[in-house]
Amino acid sequence: MTTTVEIPLEPLTHEAFAPYGMIVGELPKTADWQRPGLDAWKMRFDAEGRTELRIMRYHRQAPEFFTMERHVTVTESRMPLGGARAVMVVAPITDNADPGSYPAPDTARAFLLDGSQGLMLWRGAWHALDCFTLDRDFSDFAFISEVETEDEIELSTEAVSRERTQVANYLEAMDTRFKVVDPNGIALPGRL
C-alpha cells in the first residue's frame, strides 16, 4: 500500500533553508563592493559547465509528487518574476557519489516563496522537480543553471538519472508519495 508523506508548509528563512542553499533577497547591510551609485553583493554560484539563464514557467498543479532530483555539478538558482508566490520542496544532501542515496522521506521540507525572494540550491540538494505556484495559473521564474545539466535533462520527458542529475523515484523505490499541506494557513490568500 502506498504511503503518503505530508510535508507541512513553512516560511522561507535563512536558518531553515541553510542546509539546502541560500535565500536571494534580503541583503546584508554591508555590500561586498561599492562605488558611487552602486552597491554589489556576491552570491556563491558553482558550475562545472557553461552557465545559462532561462525563464521557467510553472503551471498550477496540486502540490503532490513522488520524484525528486539533485544536480551534482551545478548550483541551481530560481528567482520569481512579477511577485510570483510558490512552494519549493527540498530534502537534505546525501552522498553525491552514490546515486541511490535518497534522503529519508520524512526529511523533506516545503518552503513558501513569497514572491520577493529567490533561492539558490547547493550542489546535491534534493528538490521536487517543480515549484508549485500559488494564486495564479502559472508563475515565471528566472532560472540559472548549467547548459550541460539542462541539455541532459531534456533528453527525455521522463525524469531519469544521468551523469549530472540524479533522480529519486520514491514510488518505485519505497512505495511513497508526497503531499504539501498547509496546517497553519501561511499560504493564504493562496491555496494549496
N, C-alpha and C. Protein backbone atom coordinates (compact mmCIF):
# COMPACT_ATOMS: atom_id res chain seq x y z
N MET A 1 0.84 -1.19 0.00
CA MET A 1 0.00 0.00 0.00
C MET A 1 0.89 1.25 0.00
N THR A 2 0.55 2.19 -0.83
CA THR A 2 1.34 3.41 -0.96
C THR A 2 1.18 4.30 0.26
N THR A 3 2.31 4.79 0.77
CA THR A 3 2.33 5.73 1.88
C THR A 3 2.39 7.14 1.32
N THR A 4 1.60 8.05 1.90
CA THR A 4 1.68 9.46 1.54
C THR A 4 2.30 10.22 2.70
N VAL A 5 3.43 10.86 2.44
CA VAL A 5 4.10 11.68 3.44
C VAL A 5 3.61 13.11 3.26
N GLU A 6 3.00 13.66 4.32
CA GLU A 6 2.54 15.04 4.29
C GLU A 6 3.67 15.94 4.75
N ILE A 7 3.98 16.95 3.94
CA ILE A 7 5.05 17.89 4.24
C ILE A 7 4.42 19.23 4.60
N PRO A 8 4.53 19.68 5.87
CA PRO A 8 3.92 20.95 6.24
C PRO A 8 4.66 22.13 5.63
N LEU A 9 3.91 23.07 5.09
CA LEU A 9 4.47 24.29 4.51
C LEU A 9 5.01 25.16 5.62
N GLU A 10 6.18 25.75 5.39
CA GLU A 10 6.78 26.62 6.39
C GLU A 10 7.35 27.87 5.71
N PRO A 11 7.52 28.95 6.48
CA PRO A 11 8.10 30.16 5.90
C PRO A 11 9.55 29.91 5.48
N LEU A 12 9.98 30.63 4.46
CA LEU A 12 11.37 30.55 4.00
C LEU A 12 12.21 31.49 4.85
N THR A 13 13.10 30.91 5.66
CA THR A 13 14.02 31.71 6.48
C THR A 13 15.45 31.27 6.19
N HIS A 14 16.39 32.17 6.45
CA HIS A 14 17.80 31.86 6.21
C HIS A 14 18.25 30.63 7.00
N GLU A 15 17.90 30.58 8.27
CA GLU A 15 18.31 29.45 9.11
C GLU A 15 17.72 28.14 8.64
N ALA A 16 16.43 28.13 8.35
CA ALA A 16 15.77 26.89 7.95
C ALA A 16 16.26 26.39 6.60
N PHE A 17 16.60 27.31 5.69
CA PHE A 17 16.97 26.91 4.34
C PHE A 17 18.47 26.65 4.17
N ALA A 18 19.29 27.06 5.13
CA ALA A 18 20.75 26.97 5.02
C ALA A 18 21.29 25.59 4.62
N PRO A 19 20.74 24.46 5.10
CA PRO A 19 21.30 23.17 4.68
C PRO A 19 21.10 22.86 3.19
N TYR A 20 20.17 23.55 2.53
CA TYR A 20 19.82 23.25 1.15
C TYR A 20 20.36 24.28 0.15
N GLY A 21 20.64 25.47 0.65
CA GLY A 21 21.10 26.54 -0.22
C GLY A 21 21.01 27.88 0.49
N MET A 22 20.85 28.92 -0.28
CA MET A 22 20.74 30.25 0.31
C MET A 22 19.59 31.02 -0.32
N ILE A 23 19.05 31.94 0.47
CA ILE A 23 17.98 32.81 0.01
C ILE A 23 18.60 34.01 -0.69
N VAL A 24 18.03 34.40 -1.80
CA VAL A 24 18.45 35.59 -2.52
C VAL A 24 17.31 36.59 -2.38
N GLY A 25 17.56 37.64 -1.65
CA GLY A 25 16.50 38.62 -1.40
C GLY A 25 17.01 39.65 -0.43
N GLU A 26 16.65 39.51 0.83
CA GLU A 26 17.09 40.43 1.86
C GLU A 26 18.61 40.38 1.95
N LEU A 27 19.24 41.53 1.79
CA LEU A 27 20.70 41.60 1.70
C LEU A 27 21.33 42.04 3.01
N PRO A 28 22.57 41.61 3.27
CA PRO A 28 23.30 42.13 4.43
C PRO A 28 23.46 43.64 4.29
N LYS A 29 23.66 44.31 5.42
CA LYS A 29 23.77 45.77 5.39
C LYS A 29 24.99 46.24 4.60
N THR A 30 26.08 45.51 4.69
CA THR A 30 27.32 45.92 4.04
C THR A 30 27.50 45.17 2.72
N ALA A 31 27.71 45.93 1.65
CA ALA A 31 27.94 45.33 0.33
C ALA A 31 29.35 44.78 0.24
N ASP A 32 29.56 43.82 -0.67
CA ASP A 32 30.89 43.27 -0.91
C ASP A 32 31.76 44.23 -1.70
N TRP A 33 31.12 45.07 -2.50
CA TRP A 33 31.85 46.03 -3.32
C TRP A 33 30.96 47.24 -3.54
N GLN A 34 31.59 48.41 -3.56
CA GLN A 34 30.81 49.63 -3.74
C GLN A 34 31.56 50.62 -4.62
N ARG A 35 30.81 51.47 -5.25
CA ARG A 35 31.31 52.67 -5.91
C ARG A 35 30.17 53.68 -5.84
N PRO A 36 30.42 54.92 -6.14
CA PRO A 36 29.33 55.89 -6.08
C PRO A 36 28.16 55.43 -6.97
N GLY A 37 27.00 55.35 -6.38
CA GLY A 37 25.79 54.98 -7.11
C GLY A 37 25.56 53.49 -7.24
N LEU A 38 26.43 52.64 -6.64
CA LEU A 38 26.26 51.20 -6.79
C LEU A 38 26.76 50.45 -5.57
N ASP A 39 25.97 49.52 -5.09
CA ASP A 39 26.38 48.54 -4.08
C ASP A 39 26.25 47.17 -4.73
N ALA A 40 27.20 46.26 -4.47
CA ALA A 40 27.16 44.93 -5.07
C ALA A 40 27.41 43.86 -4.01
N TRP A 41 26.60 42.81 -4.04
CA TRP A 41 26.75 41.68 -3.14
C TRP A 41 27.07 40.45 -3.97
N LYS A 42 28.03 39.66 -3.51
CA LYS A 42 28.41 38.44 -4.22
C LYS A 42 27.61 37.26 -3.69
N MET A 43 27.16 36.42 -4.59
CA MET A 43 26.44 35.19 -4.24
C MET A 43 27.24 34.02 -4.80
N ARG A 44 27.48 33.03 -3.99
CA ARG A 44 28.27 31.88 -4.43
C ARG A 44 27.46 31.05 -5.43
N PHE A 45 27.97 30.92 -6.65
CA PHE A 45 27.33 30.10 -7.67
C PHE A 45 28.40 29.22 -8.30
N ASP A 46 28.20 27.92 -8.27
CA ASP A 46 29.18 26.97 -8.80
C ASP A 46 28.62 26.26 -10.01
N ALA A 47 29.45 26.11 -11.04
CA ALA A 47 29.06 25.33 -12.21
C ALA A 47 30.31 24.76 -12.86
N GLU A 48 30.29 23.48 -13.14
CA GLU A 48 31.42 22.87 -13.85
C GLU A 48 31.34 23.16 -15.34
N GLY A 49 30.14 23.42 -15.84
CA GLY A 49 29.95 23.68 -17.27
C GLY A 49 29.63 25.14 -17.52
N ARG A 50 28.97 25.40 -18.63
CA ARG A 50 28.61 26.76 -19.04
C ARG A 50 27.31 27.19 -18.36
N THR A 51 27.30 28.38 -17.81
CA THR A 51 26.13 28.91 -17.12
C THR A 51 25.09 29.38 -18.13
N GLU A 52 23.82 29.17 -17.77
CA GLU A 52 22.73 29.55 -18.66
C GLU A 52 21.59 30.15 -17.84
N LEU A 53 21.01 31.23 -18.36
CA LEU A 53 19.82 31.85 -17.77
C LEU A 53 18.63 31.46 -18.62
N ARG A 54 17.58 30.96 -17.97
CA ARG A 54 16.33 30.60 -18.64
C ARG A 54 15.18 31.24 -17.88
N ILE A 55 14.05 31.29 -18.53
CA ILE A 55 12.80 31.61 -17.85
C ILE A 55 12.02 30.30 -17.77
N MET A 56 11.64 29.92 -16.56
CA MET A 56 10.87 28.70 -16.34
C MET A 56 9.45 29.12 -15.95
N ARG A 57 8.46 28.54 -16.59
CA ARG A 57 7.06 28.80 -16.27
C ARG A 57 6.49 27.55 -15.61
N TYR A 58 6.12 27.69 -14.35
CA TYR A 58 5.50 26.58 -13.62
C TYR A 58 3.99 26.78 -13.65
N HIS A 59 3.28 25.79 -14.14
CA HIS A 59 1.82 25.85 -14.23
C HIS A 59 1.22 25.31 -12.93
N ARG A 60 0.08 25.86 -12.58
CA ARG A 60 -0.60 25.46 -11.35
C ARG A 60 -0.92 23.97 -11.40
N GLN A 61 -0.58 23.28 -10.33
CA GLN A 61 -0.88 21.86 -10.18
C GLN A 61 -0.95 21.54 -8.69
N ALA A 62 -1.57 20.45 -8.36
CA ALA A 62 -1.65 20.04 -6.96
C ALA A 62 -0.23 19.80 -6.44
N PRO A 63 0.05 20.19 -5.20
CA PRO A 63 1.39 20.01 -4.64
C PRO A 63 1.62 18.56 -4.16
N GLU A 64 1.53 17.67 -5.11
CA GLU A 64 1.72 16.24 -4.83
C GLU A 64 2.71 15.68 -5.85
N PHE A 65 3.60 14.80 -5.41
CA PHE A 65 4.63 14.28 -6.30
C PHE A 65 5.25 13.03 -5.68
N PHE A 66 6.06 12.34 -6.45
CA PHE A 66 6.78 11.17 -5.93
C PHE A 66 8.23 11.12 -6.40
N THR A 67 8.66 12.14 -7.14
CA THR A 67 10.02 12.16 -7.67
C THR A 67 10.75 13.41 -7.21
N MET A 68 12.01 13.22 -6.80
CA MET A 68 12.90 14.34 -6.51
C MET A 68 14.15 14.16 -7.36
N GLU A 69 14.89 15.26 -7.50
CA GLU A 69 16.16 15.20 -8.23
C GLU A 69 17.19 16.06 -7.52
N ARG A 70 18.46 15.82 -7.91
CA ARG A 70 19.54 16.67 -7.45
C ARG A 70 20.55 16.81 -8.59
N HIS A 71 21.24 17.93 -8.58
CA HIS A 71 22.23 18.22 -9.61
C HIS A 71 23.60 18.25 -8.94
N VAL A 72 24.52 17.44 -9.42
CA VAL A 72 25.80 17.27 -8.73
C VAL A 72 26.92 18.13 -9.29
N THR A 73 26.68 18.86 -10.38
CA THR A 73 27.73 19.67 -10.98
C THR A 73 27.41 21.16 -11.01
N VAL A 74 26.29 21.56 -10.42
CA VAL A 74 25.89 22.97 -10.52
C VAL A 74 25.03 23.39 -9.33
N THR A 75 25.20 24.65 -8.95
CA THR A 75 24.27 25.32 -8.05
C THR A 75 23.09 25.73 -8.93
N GLU A 76 21.88 25.55 -8.45
CA GLU A 76 20.71 25.92 -9.25
C GLU A 76 20.02 27.10 -8.59
N SER A 77 19.59 28.06 -9.38
CA SER A 77 19.01 29.27 -8.84
C SER A 77 17.65 29.56 -9.46
N ARG A 78 16.69 29.97 -8.62
CA ARG A 78 15.34 30.33 -9.08
C ARG A 78 14.94 31.66 -8.46
N MET A 79 14.56 32.62 -9.30
CA MET A 79 14.15 33.94 -8.85
C MET A 79 12.75 34.22 -9.39
N PRO A 80 11.77 34.47 -8.52
CA PRO A 80 10.41 34.72 -9.01
C PRO A 80 10.33 36.04 -9.77
N LEU A 81 9.55 36.05 -10.81
CA LEU A 81 9.32 37.27 -11.59
C LEU A 81 7.90 37.75 -11.34
N GLY A 82 7.73 39.04 -11.22
CA GLY A 82 6.39 39.60 -11.08
C GLY A 82 5.70 39.24 -9.77
N GLY A 83 6.47 39.00 -8.71
CA GLY A 83 5.88 38.71 -7.41
C GLY A 83 5.25 37.33 -7.29
N ALA A 84 5.66 36.41 -8.14
CA ALA A 84 5.09 35.06 -8.13
C ALA A 84 5.34 34.36 -6.80
N ARG A 85 4.26 33.87 -6.19
CA ARG A 85 4.40 33.06 -4.97
C ARG A 85 4.33 31.59 -5.35
N ALA A 86 5.14 30.80 -4.65
CA ALA A 86 5.18 29.37 -4.98
C ALA A 86 5.70 28.59 -3.78
N VAL A 87 5.63 27.28 -3.90
CA VAL A 87 6.14 26.36 -2.88
C VAL A 87 7.31 25.60 -3.48
N MET A 88 8.40 25.53 -2.73
CA MET A 88 9.58 24.77 -3.14
C MET A 88 9.82 23.68 -2.11
N VAL A 89 9.92 22.43 -2.58
CA VAL A 89 10.18 21.30 -1.69
C VAL A 89 11.63 20.86 -1.86
N VAL A 90 12.32 20.69 -0.75
CA VAL A 90 13.72 20.27 -0.75
C VAL A 90 13.92 19.14 0.25
N ALA A 91 15.06 18.47 0.13
CA ALA A 91 15.44 17.43 1.09
C ALA A 91 16.96 17.47 1.22
N PRO A 92 17.50 16.90 2.30
CA PRO A 92 18.93 17.03 2.58
C PRO A 92 19.85 16.44 1.51
N ILE A 93 21.03 17.02 1.43
CA ILE A 93 22.09 16.50 0.58
C ILE A 93 22.53 15.15 1.14
N THR A 94 22.68 14.18 0.27
CA THR A 94 23.22 12.87 0.65
C THR A 94 24.49 12.65 -0.17
N ASP A 95 25.07 11.48 -0.10
CA ASP A 95 26.33 11.17 -0.76
C ASP A 95 26.21 11.34 -2.29
N ASN A 96 26.81 12.41 -2.82
CA ASN A 96 26.72 12.67 -4.27
C ASN A 96 27.32 11.56 -5.12
N ALA A 97 28.25 10.80 -4.55
CA ALA A 97 28.88 9.72 -5.31
C ALA A 97 27.99 8.48 -5.40
N ASP A 98 26.93 8.44 -4.61
CA ASP A 98 26.03 7.28 -4.59
C ASP A 98 24.65 7.69 -5.10
N PRO A 99 24.33 7.40 -6.36
CA PRO A 99 23.04 7.79 -6.93
C PRO A 99 21.84 7.20 -6.19
N GLY A 100 22.03 6.14 -5.43
CA GLY A 100 20.93 5.52 -4.70
C GLY A 100 20.78 6.01 -3.28
N SER A 101 21.55 7.02 -2.88
CA SER A 101 21.46 7.51 -1.50
C SER A 101 20.38 8.58 -1.40
N TYR A 102 19.13 8.12 -1.37
CA TYR A 102 17.99 9.03 -1.28
C TYR A 102 17.84 9.52 0.16
N PRO A 103 17.38 10.76 0.34
CA PRO A 103 17.04 11.21 1.69
C PRO A 103 15.82 10.45 2.21
N ALA A 104 15.74 10.28 3.50
CA ALA A 104 14.56 9.65 4.10
C ALA A 104 13.34 10.51 3.77
N PRO A 105 12.21 9.89 3.43
CA PRO A 105 11.02 10.66 3.05
C PRO A 105 10.60 11.69 4.10
N ASP A 106 10.77 11.38 5.37
CA ASP A 106 10.32 12.31 6.41
C ASP A 106 11.26 13.50 6.61
N THR A 107 12.33 13.60 5.81
CA THR A 107 13.23 14.75 5.91
C THR A 107 12.91 15.84 4.89
N ALA A 108 11.93 15.61 4.02
CA ALA A 108 11.55 16.62 3.02
C ALA A 108 10.91 17.82 3.72
N ARG A 109 11.18 19.01 3.19
CA ARG A 109 10.61 20.24 3.74
C ARG A 109 10.04 21.08 2.60
N ALA A 110 8.96 21.78 2.89
CA ALA A 110 8.29 22.64 1.91
C ALA A 110 8.37 24.08 2.38
N PHE A 111 8.89 24.95 1.52
CA PHE A 111 9.06 26.36 1.87
C PHE A 111 8.19 27.24 0.98
N LEU A 112 7.63 28.28 1.60
CA LEU A 112 6.83 29.27 0.87
C LEU A 112 7.76 30.34 0.32
N LEU A 113 7.78 30.48 -1.00
CA LEU A 113 8.48 31.59 -1.65
C LEU A 113 7.44 32.70 -1.79
N ASP A 114 7.67 33.83 -1.12
CA ASP A 114 6.64 34.86 -1.04
C ASP A 114 6.59 35.81 -2.25
N GLY A 115 7.42 35.57 -3.25
CA GLY A 115 7.42 36.42 -4.44
C GLY A 115 8.48 37.50 -4.40
N SER A 116 9.07 37.75 -3.22
CA SER A 116 10.12 38.77 -3.11
C SER A 116 11.50 38.14 -2.91
N GLN A 117 11.55 36.82 -2.77
CA GLN A 117 12.81 36.13 -2.51
C GLN A 117 13.03 35.04 -3.55
N GLY A 118 14.27 34.92 -3.98
CA GLY A 118 14.66 33.79 -4.79
C GLY A 118 15.51 32.87 -3.95
N LEU A 119 16.03 31.83 -4.58
CA LEU A 119 16.89 30.93 -3.83
C LEU A 119 17.92 30.28 -4.74
N MET A 120 18.99 29.83 -4.11
CA MET A 120 19.99 29.02 -4.79
C MET A 120 20.11 27.71 -4.03
N LEU A 121 20.09 26.62 -4.76
CA LEU A 121 20.24 25.29 -4.16
C LEU A 121 21.69 24.85 -4.29
N TRP A 122 22.27 24.37 -3.18
CA TRP A 122 23.63 23.86 -3.23
C TRP A 122 23.70 22.65 -4.15
N ARG A 123 24.89 22.37 -4.66
CA ARG A 123 25.10 21.14 -5.42
C ARG A 123 24.67 19.96 -4.57
N GLY A 124 23.91 19.07 -5.15
CA GLY A 124 23.50 17.86 -4.44
C GLY A 124 22.26 18.00 -3.58
N ALA A 125 21.69 19.22 -3.46
CA ALA A 125 20.46 19.38 -2.68
C ALA A 125 19.30 18.76 -3.46
N TRP A 126 18.59 17.87 -2.82
CA TRP A 126 17.43 17.22 -3.45
C TRP A 126 16.27 18.21 -3.49
N HIS A 127 15.45 18.13 -4.53
CA HIS A 127 14.28 19.01 -4.63
C HIS A 127 13.23 18.37 -5.52
N ALA A 128 11.98 18.77 -5.30
CA ALA A 128 10.91 18.34 -6.20
C ALA A 128 11.22 18.88 -7.58
N LEU A 129 10.71 18.22 -8.60
CA LEU A 129 11.00 18.64 -9.97
C LEU A 129 10.43 20.03 -10.27
N ASP A 130 9.31 20.37 -9.65
CA ASP A 130 8.64 21.63 -9.93
C ASP A 130 8.49 22.48 -8.69
N CYS A 131 8.32 23.80 -8.92
CA CYS A 131 7.78 24.68 -7.89
C CYS A 131 6.27 24.60 -8.06
N PHE A 132 5.56 24.73 -6.97
CA PHE A 132 4.10 24.67 -7.01
C PHE A 132 3.57 26.09 -6.84
N THR A 133 3.01 26.63 -7.91
CA THR A 133 2.59 28.02 -7.93
C THR A 133 1.32 28.23 -7.09
N LEU A 134 1.22 29.40 -6.50
CA LEU A 134 0.05 29.82 -5.73
C LEU A 134 -0.57 31.03 -6.40
N ASP A 135 -1.83 31.25 -6.20
CA ASP A 135 -2.53 32.48 -6.60
C ASP A 135 -2.76 32.66 -8.09
N ARG A 136 -2.03 31.97 -8.94
CA ARG A 136 -2.08 32.21 -10.38
C ARG A 136 -2.14 30.88 -11.13
N ASP A 137 -2.49 30.96 -12.39
CA ASP A 137 -2.48 29.76 -13.23
C ASP A 137 -1.06 29.32 -13.55
N PHE A 138 -0.13 30.28 -13.54
CA PHE A 138 1.28 29.95 -13.74
C PHE A 138 2.14 31.03 -13.09
N SER A 139 3.39 30.69 -12.83
CA SER A 139 4.36 31.64 -12.28
C SER A 139 5.66 31.49 -13.05
N ASP A 140 6.26 32.62 -13.39
CA ASP A 140 7.53 32.62 -14.11
C ASP A 140 8.69 32.86 -13.15
N PHE A 141 9.77 32.16 -13.41
CA PHE A 141 10.98 32.29 -12.61
C PHE A 141 12.18 32.46 -13.53
N ALA A 142 13.09 33.38 -13.16
CA ALA A 142 14.41 33.41 -13.78
C ALA A 142 15.16 32.23 -13.18
N PHE A 143 15.76 31.44 -14.01
CA PHE A 143 16.34 30.16 -13.61
C PHE A 143 17.77 30.12 -14.12
N ILE A 144 18.74 30.01 -13.22
CA ILE A 144 20.14 29.94 -13.61
C ILE A 144 20.65 28.55 -13.30
N SER A 145 21.20 27.92 -14.31
CA SER A 145 21.72 26.56 -14.17
C SER A 145 22.92 26.41 -15.08
N GLU A 146 23.14 25.20 -15.53
CA GLU A 146 24.29 24.86 -16.36
C GLU A 146 23.77 24.27 -17.67
N VAL A 147 24.30 24.71 -18.78
CA VAL A 147 23.86 24.24 -20.10
C VAL A 147 23.89 22.72 -20.17
N GLU A 148 25.00 22.12 -19.76
CA GLU A 148 25.17 20.67 -19.88
C GLU A 148 24.15 19.91 -19.04
N THR A 149 23.86 20.39 -17.85
CA THR A 149 22.86 19.74 -16.99
C THR A 149 21.48 19.83 -17.62
N GLU A 150 21.10 21.00 -18.08
CA GLU A 150 19.77 21.17 -18.67
C GLU A 150 19.64 20.39 -19.98
N ASP A 151 20.69 20.37 -20.79
CA ASP A 151 20.65 19.57 -22.03
C ASP A 151 20.45 18.10 -21.71
N GLU A 152 21.12 17.63 -20.67
CA GLU A 152 20.99 16.22 -20.26
C GLU A 152 19.56 15.91 -19.81
N ILE A 153 18.97 16.81 -19.04
CA ILE A 153 17.59 16.62 -18.57
C ILE A 153 16.63 16.57 -19.75
N GLU A 154 16.87 17.39 -20.75
CA GLU A 154 15.95 17.50 -21.89
C GLU A 154 16.05 16.32 -22.86
N LEU A 155 16.91 15.35 -22.58
CA LEU A 155 16.99 14.16 -23.43
C LEU A 155 15.72 13.31 -23.32
N SER A 156 14.94 13.52 -22.25
CA SER A 156 13.74 12.72 -22.04
C SER A 156 12.68 13.56 -21.34
N THR A 157 11.41 13.27 -21.61
CA THR A 157 10.34 13.93 -20.87
C THR A 157 10.13 13.27 -19.51
N GLU A 158 10.70 12.09 -19.32
CA GLU A 158 10.64 11.38 -18.04
C GLU A 158 11.86 11.76 -17.21
N ALA A 159 11.69 11.85 -15.91
CA ALA A 159 12.82 12.13 -15.02
C ALA A 159 13.63 10.85 -14.83
N VAL A 160 14.86 10.87 -15.33
CA VAL A 160 15.75 9.72 -15.20
C VAL A 160 17.13 10.19 -14.78
N SER A 161 17.83 9.35 -14.02
CA SER A 161 19.19 9.68 -13.59
C SER A 161 20.14 9.63 -14.77
N ARG A 162 21.04 10.58 -14.78
CA ARG A 162 22.10 10.62 -15.78
C ARG A 162 23.38 11.05 -15.06
N GLU A 163 24.37 11.51 -15.80
CA GLU A 163 25.66 11.85 -15.21
C GLU A 163 25.58 13.05 -14.27
N ARG A 164 24.87 14.10 -14.65
CA ARG A 164 24.87 15.35 -13.90
C ARG A 164 23.68 15.50 -12.96
N THR A 165 22.64 14.73 -13.19
CA THR A 165 21.43 14.79 -12.38
C THR A 165 21.05 13.39 -11.92
N GLN A 166 20.75 13.28 -10.64
CA GLN A 166 20.30 12.00 -10.09
C GLN A 166 18.84 12.15 -9.68
N VAL A 167 18.07 11.12 -9.96
CA VAL A 167 16.62 11.14 -9.72
C VAL A 167 16.26 10.09 -8.69
N ALA A 168 15.40 10.48 -7.76
CA ALA A 168 14.87 9.55 -6.76
C ALA A 168 13.38 9.38 -7.02
N ASN A 169 12.99 8.21 -7.50
CA ASN A 169 11.58 7.89 -7.71
C ASN A 169 11.11 7.14 -6.47
N TYR A 170 10.49 7.86 -5.55
CA TYR A 170 10.08 7.27 -4.27
C TYR A 170 8.94 6.27 -4.43
N LEU A 171 8.13 6.44 -5.46
CA LEU A 171 7.04 5.50 -5.68
C LEU A 171 7.60 4.12 -6.02
N GLU A 172 8.58 4.07 -6.90
CA GLU A 172 9.20 2.80 -7.27
C GLU A 172 10.08 2.24 -6.16
N ALA A 173 10.87 3.10 -5.52
CA ALA A 173 11.85 2.63 -4.54
C ALA A 173 11.24 2.31 -3.17
N MET A 174 10.22 3.09 -2.75
CA MET A 174 9.71 2.96 -1.39
C MET A 174 8.19 2.94 -1.30
N ASP A 175 7.50 2.91 -2.45
CA ASP A 175 6.04 2.96 -2.49
C ASP A 175 5.52 4.17 -1.70
N THR A 176 6.16 5.33 -1.95
CA THR A 176 5.87 6.55 -1.20
C THR A 176 5.59 7.71 -2.14
N ARG A 177 4.62 8.52 -1.73
CA ARG A 177 4.27 9.76 -2.42
C ARG A 177 4.40 10.90 -1.41
N PHE A 178 4.42 12.13 -1.91
CA PHE A 178 4.50 13.31 -1.06
C PHE A 178 3.33 14.25 -1.36
N LYS A 179 2.89 14.95 -0.33
CA LYS A 179 1.84 15.95 -0.48
C LYS A 179 2.16 17.11 0.45
N VAL A 180 2.20 18.32 -0.10
CA VAL A 180 2.42 19.51 0.73
C VAL A 180 1.10 19.90 1.35
N VAL A 181 1.12 20.16 2.66
CA VAL A 181 -0.08 20.59 3.39
C VAL A 181 0.23 21.92 4.07
N ASP A 182 -0.81 22.64 4.39
CA ASP A 182 -0.66 23.97 4.99
C ASP A 182 -1.49 24.06 6.27
N PRO A 183 -1.10 23.33 7.33
CA PRO A 183 -1.92 23.29 8.54
C PRO A 183 -2.02 24.63 9.26
N ASN A 184 -1.07 25.54 9.04
CA ASN A 184 -1.09 26.83 9.72
C ASN A 184 -1.58 27.97 8.85
N GLY A 185 -2.01 27.66 7.63
CA GLY A 185 -2.58 28.67 6.75
C GLY A 185 -1.61 29.76 6.30
N ILE A 186 -0.32 29.45 6.20
CA ILE A 186 0.63 30.51 5.84
C ILE A 186 0.58 30.87 4.36
N ALA A 187 -0.02 30.05 3.52
CA ALA A 187 -0.12 30.35 2.09
C ALA A 187 -1.29 31.26 1.77
N LEU A 188 -2.16 31.52 2.75
CA LEU A 188 -3.32 32.37 2.49
C LEU A 188 -2.85 33.74 2.03
N PRO A 189 -3.49 34.38 1.07
CA PRO A 189 -4.75 34.03 0.46
C PRO A 189 -4.65 32.97 -0.63
N GLY A 190 -3.44 32.53 -0.95
CA GLY A 190 -3.31 31.44 -1.93
C GLY A 190 -3.82 30.15 -1.33
N ARG A 191 -4.01 29.18 -2.14
CA ARG A 191 -4.48 27.90 -1.63
C ARG A 191 -3.58 26.82 -2.19
N LEU A 192 -3.45 25.77 -1.46
CA LEU A 192 -2.62 24.66 -1.94
C LEU A 192 -3.44 23.70 -2.75
